[in-house]
């Protein structure tokens, strides 16, 4: 994904690609984090780009993705 994409756009695209809804993702996040996690809370974290990396990794896992850092100098 392009560097100019914000986290909200990127996560939305991944959710859609997997045929999920944000509501389903939020419910699974709440279950795995064992805490109250609302769509409003999730939306605010995305909008203000305050979502912790731990949760980004969990979202990737839930949706079946791996996060990989690629050395641009070795492409």
PDB file of N, CA and C in Angstrom:
ATOM      1  N   UNK A   1       0.835  -1.186   0.000  1.00  0.00           N
ATOM      2  CA  UNK A   1       0.000   0.000   0.000  1.00  0.00           C
ATOM      3  C   UNK A   1       0.874   1.242   0.000  1.00  0.00           C
ATOM      4  N   UNK A   2       0.372   2.273  -0.588  1.00  0.00           N
ATOM      5  CA  UNK A   2       1.147   3.497  -0.724  1.00  0.00           C
ATOM      6  C   UNK A   2       1.367   4.169   0.623  1.00  0.00           C
ATOM      7  N   UNK A   3       2.488   4.866   0.717  1.00  0.00           N
ATOM      8  CA  UNK A   3       2.836   5.557   1.958  1.00  0.00           C
ATOM      9  C   UNK A   3       1.796   6.618   2.325  1.00  0.00           C
ATOM     10  N   UNK A   4       1.117   7.197   1.326  1.00  0.00           N
ATOM     11  CA  UNK A   4       0.163   8.258   1.632  1.00  0.00           C
ATOM     12  C   UNK A   4      -1.168   7.732   2.147  1.00  0.00           C
ATOM     13  N   UNK A   5      -1.399   6.433   2.068  1.00  0.00           N
ATOM     14  CA  UNK A   5      -2.629   5.856   2.608  1.00  0.00           C
ATOM     15  C   UNK A   5      -2.620   5.979   4.126  1.00  0.00           C
ATOM     16  N   UNK A   6      -3.746   6.377   4.688  1.00  0.00           N
ATOM     17  CA  UNK A   6      -3.833   6.426   6.137  1.00  0.00           C
ATOM     18  C   UNK A   6      -4.292   5.073   6.661  1.00  0.00           C
ATOM     19  N   UNK A   7      -4.138   4.866   7.936  1.00  0.00           N
ATOM     20  CA  UNK A   7      -4.447   3.576   8.547  1.00  0.00           C
ATOM     21  C   UNK A   7      -5.926   3.238   8.395  1.00  0.00           C
ATOM     22  N   UNK A   8      -6.785   4.241   8.465  1.00  0.00           N
ATOM     23  CA  UNK A   8      -8.222   4.012   8.313  1.00  0.00           C
ATOM     24  C   UNK A   8      -8.526   3.418   6.939  1.00  0.00           C
ATOM     25  N   UNK A   9      -7.956   4.001   5.903  1.00  0.00           N
ATOM     26  CA  UNK A   9      -8.165   3.518   4.540  1.00  0.00           C
ATOM     27  C   UNK A   9      -7.598   2.108   4.368  1.00  0.00           C
ATOM     28  N   UNK A  10      -6.408   1.887   4.867  1.00  0.00           N
ATOM     29  CA  UNK A  10      -5.770   0.585   4.714  1.00  0.00           C
ATOM     30  C   UNK A  10      -6.565  -0.519   5.405  1.00  0.00           C
ATOM     31  N   UNK A  11      -6.979  -0.277   6.625  1.00  0.00           N
ATOM     32  CA  UNK A  11      -7.742  -1.299   7.350  1.00  0.00           C
ATOM     33  C   UNK A  11      -9.108  -1.514   6.696  1.00  0.00           C
ATOM     34  N   UNK A  12      -9.742  -0.443   6.268  1.00  0.00           N
ATOM     35  CA  UNK A  12     -11.027  -0.576   5.584  1.00  0.00           C
ATOM     36  C   UNK A  12     -10.885  -1.430   4.335  1.00  0.00           C
ATOM     37  N   UNK A  13      -9.839  -1.206   3.557  1.00  0.00           N
ATOM     38  CA  UNK A  13      -9.612  -1.989   2.344  1.00  0.00           C
ATOM     39  C   UNK A  13      -9.388  -3.465   2.673  1.00  0.00           C
ATOM     40  N   UNK A  14      -8.618  -3.747   3.716  1.00  0.00           N
ATOM     41  CA  UNK A  14      -8.369  -5.135   4.103  1.00  0.00           C
ATOM     42  C   UNK A  14      -9.644  -5.823   4.571  1.00  0.00           C
ATOM     43  N   UNK A  15     -10.444  -5.111   5.341  1.00  0.00           N
ATOM     44  CA  UNK A  15     -11.712  -5.663   5.847  1.00  0.00           C
ATOM     45  C   UNK A  15     -12.626  -6.010   4.671  1.00  0.00           C
ATOM     46  N   UNK A  16     -12.736  -5.111   3.728  1.00  0.00           N
ATOM     47  CA  UNK A  16     -13.599  -5.331   2.561  1.00  0.00           C
ATOM     48  C   UNK A  16     -13.083  -6.502   1.726  1.00  0.00           C
ATOM     49  N   UNK A  17     -11.764  -6.556   1.506  1.00  0.00           N
ATOM     50  CA  UNK A  17     -11.174  -7.654   0.720  1.00  0.00           C
ATOM     51  C   UNK A  17     -11.500  -9.018   1.309  1.00  0.00           C
ATOM     52  N   UNK A  18     -11.575  -9.083   2.618  1.00  0.00           N
ATOM     53  CA  UNK A  18     -11.851 -10.353   3.288  1.00  0.00           C
ATOM     54  C   UNK A  18     -13.348 -10.627   3.429  1.00  0.00           C
ATOM     55  N   UNK A  19     -14.180  -9.685   2.994  1.00  0.00           N
ATOM     56  CA  UNK A  19     -15.623  -9.879   3.062  1.00  0.00           C
ATOM     57  C   UNK A  19     -16.188  -9.714   4.467  1.00  0.00           C
ATOM     58  N   UNK A  20     -15.450  -9.022   5.310  1.00  0.00           N
ATOM     59  CA  UNK A  20     -15.889  -8.754   6.676  1.00  0.00           C
ATOM     60  C   UNK A  20     -16.549  -7.382   6.720  1.00  0.00           C
ATOM     61  N   UNK A  21     -17.183  -7.107   7.863  1.00  0.00           N
ATOM     62  CA  UNK A  21     -17.653  -5.755   8.155  1.00  0.00           C
ATOM     63  C   UNK A  21     -16.801  -5.229   9.309  1.00  0.00           C
ATOM     64  N   UNK A  22     -16.794  -3.926   9.470  1.00  0.00           N
ATOM     65  CA  UNK A  22     -16.062  -3.360  10.601  1.00  0.00           C
ATOM     66  C   UNK A  22     -16.678  -3.833  11.914  1.00  0.00           C
ATOM     67  N   UNK A  23     -17.987  -4.010  11.912  1.00  0.00           N
ATOM     68  CA  UNK A  23     -18.664  -4.494  13.117  1.00  0.00           C
ATOM     69  C   UNK A  23     -18.133  -5.876  13.508  1.00  0.00           C
ATOM     70  N   UNK A  24     -17.987  -6.758  12.535  1.00  0.00           N
ATOM     71  CA  UNK A  24     -17.457  -8.095  12.818  1.00  0.00           C
ATOM     72  C   UNK A  24     -16.025  -8.005  13.347  1.00  0.00           C
ATOM     73  N   UNK A  25     -15.239  -7.140  12.744  1.00  0.00           N
ATOM     74  CA  UNK A  25     -13.854  -6.969  13.185  1.00  0.00           C
ATOM     75  C   UNK A  25     -13.807  -6.453  14.617  1.00  0.00           C
ATOM     76  N   UNK A  26     -14.624  -5.474  14.930  1.00  0.00           N
ATOM     77  CA  UNK A  26     -14.665  -4.904  16.287  1.00  0.00           C
ATOM     78  C   UNK A  26     -15.087  -5.972  17.296  1.00  0.00           C
ATOM     79  N   UNK A  27     -16.070  -6.784  16.944  1.00  0.00           N
ATOM     80  CA  UNK A  27     -16.509  -7.854  17.844  1.00  0.00           C
ATOM     81  C   UNK A  27     -15.384  -8.849  18.102  1.00  0.00           C
ATOM     82  N   UNK A  28     -14.636  -9.191  17.074  1.00  0.00           N
ATOM     83  CA  UNK A  28     -13.524 -10.132  17.243  1.00  0.00           C
ATOM     84  C   UNK A  28     -12.392  -9.492  18.044  1.00  0.00           C
ATOM     85  N   UNK A  29     -12.127  -8.219  17.819  1.00  0.00           N
ATOM     86  CA  UNK A  29     -11.116  -7.514  18.620  1.00  0.00           C
ATOM     87  C   UNK A  29     -11.505  -7.520  20.092  1.00  0.00           C
ATOM     88  N   UNK A  30     -12.760  -7.219  20.394  1.00  0.00           N
ATOM     89  CA  UNK A  30     -13.241  -7.209  21.777  1.00  0.00           C
ATOM     90  C   UNK A  30     -13.058  -8.580  22.415  1.00  0.00           C
ATOM     91  N   UNK A  31     -13.386  -9.606  21.662  1.00  0.00           N
ATOM     92  CA  UNK A  31     -13.252 -10.978  22.164  1.00  0.00           C
ATOM     93  C   UNK A  31     -11.790 -11.323  22.457  1.00  0.00           C
ATOM     94  N   UNK A  32     -10.912 -11.028  21.505  1.00  0.00           N
ATOM     95  CA  UNK A  32      -9.498 -11.389  21.675  1.00  0.00           C
ATOM     96  C   UNK A  32      -8.777 -10.527  22.696  1.00  0.00           C
ATOM     97  N   UNK A  33      -9.191  -9.270  22.813  1.00  0.00           N
ATOM     98  CA  UNK A  33      -8.567  -8.376  23.789  1.00  0.00           C
ATOM     99  C   UNK A  33      -9.212  -8.507  25.162  1.00  0.00           C
ATOM    100  N   UNK A  34     -10.338  -9.215  25.209  1.00  0.00           N
ATOM    101  CA  UNK A  34     -11.078  -9.437  26.445  1.00  0.00           C
ATOM    102  C   UNK A  34     -11.402  -8.113  27.146  1.00  0.00           C
ATOM    103  N   UNK A  35     -11.923  -7.182  26.336  1.00  0.00           N
ATOM    104  CA  UNK A  35     -12.332  -5.891  26.889  1.00  0.00           C
ATOM    105  C   UNK A  35     -13.427  -5.302  26.019  1.00  0.00           C
ATOM    106  N   UNK A  36     -14.124  -4.334  26.569  1.00  0.00           N
ATOM    107  CA  UNK A  36     -15.157  -3.653  25.802  1.00  0.00           C
ATOM    108  C   UNK A  36     -14.483  -2.855  24.691  1.00  0.00           C
ATOM    109  N   UNK A  37     -14.914  -3.079  23.499  1.00  0.00           N
ATOM    110  CA  UNK A  37     -14.334  -2.428  22.327  1.00  0.00           C
ATOM    111  C   UNK A  37     -15.497  -2.092  21.417  1.00  0.00           C
ATOM    112  N   UNK A  38     -15.796  -0.819  21.262  1.00  0.00           N
ATOM    113  CA  UNK A  38     -16.966  -0.411  20.496  1.00  0.00           C
ATOM    114  C   UNK A  38     -16.579   0.063  19.102  1.00  0.00           C
ATOM    115  N   UNK A  39     -17.568   0.098  18.225  1.00  0.00           N
ATOM    116  CA  UNK A  39     -17.321   0.601  16.880  1.00  0.00           C
ATOM    117  C   UNK A  39     -16.913   2.067  16.936  1.00  0.00           C
ATOM    118  N   UNK A  40     -17.502   2.812  17.848  1.00  0.00           N
ATOM    119  CA  UNK A  40     -17.166   4.216  17.996  1.00  0.00           C
ATOM    120  C   UNK A  40     -15.709   4.384  18.432  1.00  0.00           C
ATOM    121  N   UNK A  41     -15.309   3.594  19.421  1.00  0.00           N
ATOM    122  CA  UNK A  41     -13.933   3.630  19.906  1.00  0.00           C
ATOM    123  C   UNK A  41     -12.962   3.267  18.784  1.00  0.00           C
ATOM    124  N   UNK A  42     -13.279   2.208  18.060  1.00  0.00           N
ATOM    125  CA  UNK A  42     -12.440   1.754  16.955  1.00  0.00           C
ATOM    126  C   UNK A  42     -12.355   2.832  15.876  1.00  0.00           C
ATOM    127  N   UNK A  43     -13.507   3.401  15.521  1.00  0.00           N
ATOM    128  CA  UNK A  43     -13.531   4.451  14.505  1.00  0.00           C
ATOM    129  C   UNK A  43     -12.693   5.662  14.895  1.00  0.00           C
ATOM    130  N   UNK A  44     -12.756   6.033  16.163  1.00  0.00           N
ATOM    131  CA  UNK A  44     -11.942   7.163  16.635  1.00  0.00           C
ATOM    132  C   UNK A  44     -10.458   6.847  16.581  1.00  0.00           C
ATOM    133  N   UNK A  45     -10.089   5.633  16.949  1.00  0.00           N
ATOM    134  CA  UNK A  45      -8.674   5.244  16.879  1.00  0.00           C
ATOM    135  C   UNK A  45      -8.160   5.318  15.453  1.00  0.00           C
ATOM    136  N   UNK A  46      -8.997   4.911  14.504  1.00  0.00           N
ATOM    137  CA  UNK A  46      -8.594   4.974  13.099  1.00  0.00           C
ATOM    138  C   UNK A  46      -8.562   6.413  12.607  1.00  0.00           C
ATOM    139  N   UNK A  47      -9.605   7.170  12.924  1.00  0.00           N
ATOM    140  CA  UNK A  47      -9.707   8.550  12.451  1.00  0.00           C
ATOM    141  C   UNK A  47      -8.546   9.405  12.938  1.00  0.00           C
ATOM    142  N   UNK A  48      -8.192   9.246  14.218  1.00  0.00           N
ATOM    143  CA  UNK A  48      -7.130  10.070  14.794  1.00  0.00           C
ATOM    144  C   UNK A  48      -5.761   9.393  14.746  1.00  0.00           C
ATOM    145  N   UNK A  49      -5.714   8.206  14.132  1.00  0.00           N
ATOM    146  CA  UNK A  49      -4.483   7.433  13.984  1.00  0.00           C
ATOM    147  C   UNK A  49      -3.779   7.214  15.323  1.00  0.00           C
ATOM    148  N   UNK A  50      -4.577   6.774  16.302  1.00  0.00           N
ATOM    149  CA  UNK A  50      -4.030   6.513  17.637  1.00  0.00           C
ATOM    150  C   UNK A  50      -4.095   5.028  17.992  1.00  0.00           C
ATOM    151  N   UNK A  51      -4.333   4.191  17.019  1.00  0.00           N
ATOM    152  CA  UNK A  51      -4.456   2.759  17.284  1.00  0.00           C
ATOM    153  C   UNK A  51      -3.069   2.174  17.549  1.00  0.00           C
ATOM    154  N   UNK A  52      -2.918   1.442  18.649  1.00  0.00           N
ATOM    155  CA  UNK A  52      -1.605   0.879  18.979  1.00  0.00           C
ATOM    156  C   UNK A  52      -1.163  -0.188  17.975  1.00  0.00           C
ATOM    157  N   UNK A  53       0.127  -0.305  17.805  1.00  0.00           N
ATOM    158  CA  UNK A  53       0.687  -1.304  16.891  1.00  0.00           C
ATOM    159  C   UNK A  53       0.241  -2.709  17.281  1.00  0.00           C
ATOM    160  N   UNK A  54       0.122  -2.963  18.569  1.00  0.00           N
ATOM    161  CA  UNK A  54      -0.348  -4.264  19.059  1.00  0.00           C
ATOM    162  C   UNK A  54      -1.709  -4.599  18.446  1.00  0.00           C
ATOM    163  N   UNK A  55      -2.582  -3.616  18.379  1.00  0.00           N
ATOM    164  CA  UNK A  55      -3.907  -3.840  17.812  1.00  0.00           C
ATOM    165  C   UNK A  55      -3.849  -3.966  16.290  1.00  0.00           C
ATOM    166  N   UNK A  56      -2.934  -3.254  15.655  1.00  0.00           N
ATOM    167  CA  UNK A  56      -2.744  -3.396  14.210  1.00  0.00           C
ATOM    168  C   UNK A  56      -2.320  -4.832  13.898  1.00  0.00           C
ATOM    169  N   UNK A  57      -1.380  -5.357  14.695  1.00  0.00           N
ATOM    170  CA  UNK A  57      -0.941  -6.744  14.486  1.00  0.00           C
ATOM    171  C   UNK A  57      -2.080  -7.722  14.708  1.00  0.00           C
ATOM    172  N   UNK A  58      -2.913  -7.459  15.695  1.00  0.00           N
ATOM    173  CA  UNK A  58      -4.052  -8.328  15.978  1.00  0.00           C
ATOM    174  C   UNK A  58      -5.067  -8.272  14.836  1.00  0.00           C
ATOM    175  N   UNK A  59      -5.314  -7.096  14.302  1.00  0.00           N
ATOM    176  CA  UNK A  59      -6.223  -6.958  13.160  1.00  0.00           C
ATOM    177  C   UNK A  59      -5.694  -7.753  11.973  1.00  0.00           C
ATOM    178  N   UNK A  60      -4.411  -7.639  11.719  1.00  0.00           N
ATOM    179  CA  UNK A  60      -3.806  -8.401  10.621  1.00  0.00           C
ATOM    180  C   UNK A  60      -4.005  -9.894  10.848  1.00  0.00           C
ATOM    181  N   UNK A  61      -3.782 -10.341  12.062  1.00  0.00           N
ATOM    182  CA  UNK A  61      -3.945 -11.761  12.387  1.00  0.00           C
ATOM    183  C   UNK A  61      -5.395 -12.202  12.194  1.00  0.00           C
ATOM    184  N   UNK A  62      -6.323 -11.414  12.696  1.00  0.00           N
ATOM    185  CA  UNK A  62      -7.748 -11.741  12.573  1.00  0.00           C
ATOM    186  C   UNK A  62      -8.140 -11.886  11.104  1.00  0.00           C
ATOM    187  N   UNK A  63      -7.625 -10.997  10.272  1.00  0.00           N
ATOM    188  CA  UNK A  63      -7.987 -10.996   8.858  1.00  0.00           C
ATOM    189  C   UNK A  63      -7.129 -11.941   8.020  1.00  0.00           C
ATOM    190  N   UNK A  64      -6.157 -12.586   8.666  1.00  0.00           N
ATOM    191  CA  UNK A  64      -5.337 -13.563   7.963  1.00  0.00           C
ATOM    192  C   UNK A  64      -4.159 -12.977   7.207  1.00  0.00           C
ATOM    193  N   UNK A  65      -3.652 -11.864   7.682  1.00  0.00           N
ATOM    194  CA  UNK A  65      -2.502 -11.216   7.046  1.00  0.00           C
ATOM    195  C   UNK A  65      -1.288 -11.259   7.974  1.00  0.00           C
ATOM    196  N   UNK A  66      -0.115 -11.165   7.367  1.00  0.00           N
ATOM    197  CA  UNK A  66       1.130 -10.995   8.102  1.00  0.00           C
ATOM    198  C   UNK A  66       1.635  -9.588   7.821  1.00  0.00           C
ATOM    199  N   UNK A  67       2.247  -8.989   8.815  1.00  0.00           N
ATOM    200  CA  UNK A  67       2.899  -7.695   8.626  1.00  0.00           C
ATOM    201  C   UNK A  67       4.372  -7.989   8.422  1.00  0.00           C
ATOM    202  N   UNK A  68       4.908  -7.427   7.370  1.00  0.00           N
ATOM    203  CA  UNK A  68       6.303  -7.699   7.038  1.00  0.00           C
ATOM    204  C   UNK A  68       7.009  -6.394   6.715  1.00  0.00           C
ATOM    205  N   UNK A  69       8.170  -6.214   7.288  1.00  0.00           N
ATOM    206  CA  UNK A  69       8.994  -5.065   6.954  1.00  0.00           C
ATOM    207  C   UNK A  69       9.975  -5.511   5.878  1.00  0.00           C
ATOM    208  N   UNK A  70      10.006  -4.775   4.778  1.00  0.00           N
ATOM    209  CA  UNK A  70      10.852  -5.132   3.650  1.00  0.00           C
ATOM    210  C   UNK A  70      11.903  -4.042   3.470  1.00  0.00           C
ATOM    211  N   UNK A  71      13.143  -4.458   3.413  1.00  0.00           N
ATOM    212  CA  UNK A  71      14.243  -3.522   3.188  1.00  0.00           C
ATOM    213  C   UNK A  71      14.150  -3.003   1.760  1.00  0.00           C
ATOM    214  N   UNK A  72      13.863  -1.734   1.614  1.00  0.00           N
ATOM    215  CA  UNK A  72      13.718  -1.145   0.274  1.00  0.00           C
ATOM    216  C   UNK A  72      15.006  -1.196  -0.528  1.00  0.00           C
ATOM    217  N   UNK A  73      16.130  -1.263   0.151  1.00  0.00           N
ATOM    218  CA  UNK A  73      17.405  -1.294  -0.542  1.00  0.00           C
ATOM    219  C   UNK A  73      17.738  -2.668  -1.114  1.00  0.00           C
ATOM    220  N   UNK A  74      16.962  -3.670  -0.743  1.00  0.00           N
ATOM    221  CA  UNK A  74      17.235  -5.023  -1.216  1.00  0.00           C
ATOM    222  C   UNK A  74      16.195  -5.524  -2.206  1.00  0.00           C
ATOM    223  N   UNK A  75      15.368  -4.641  -2.715  1.00  0.00           N
ATOM    224  CA  UNK A  75      14.341  -5.039  -3.684  1.00  0.00           C
ATOM    225  C   UNK A  75      14.957  -5.302  -5.023  1.00  0.00           C
TER     226      UNK A  75
END
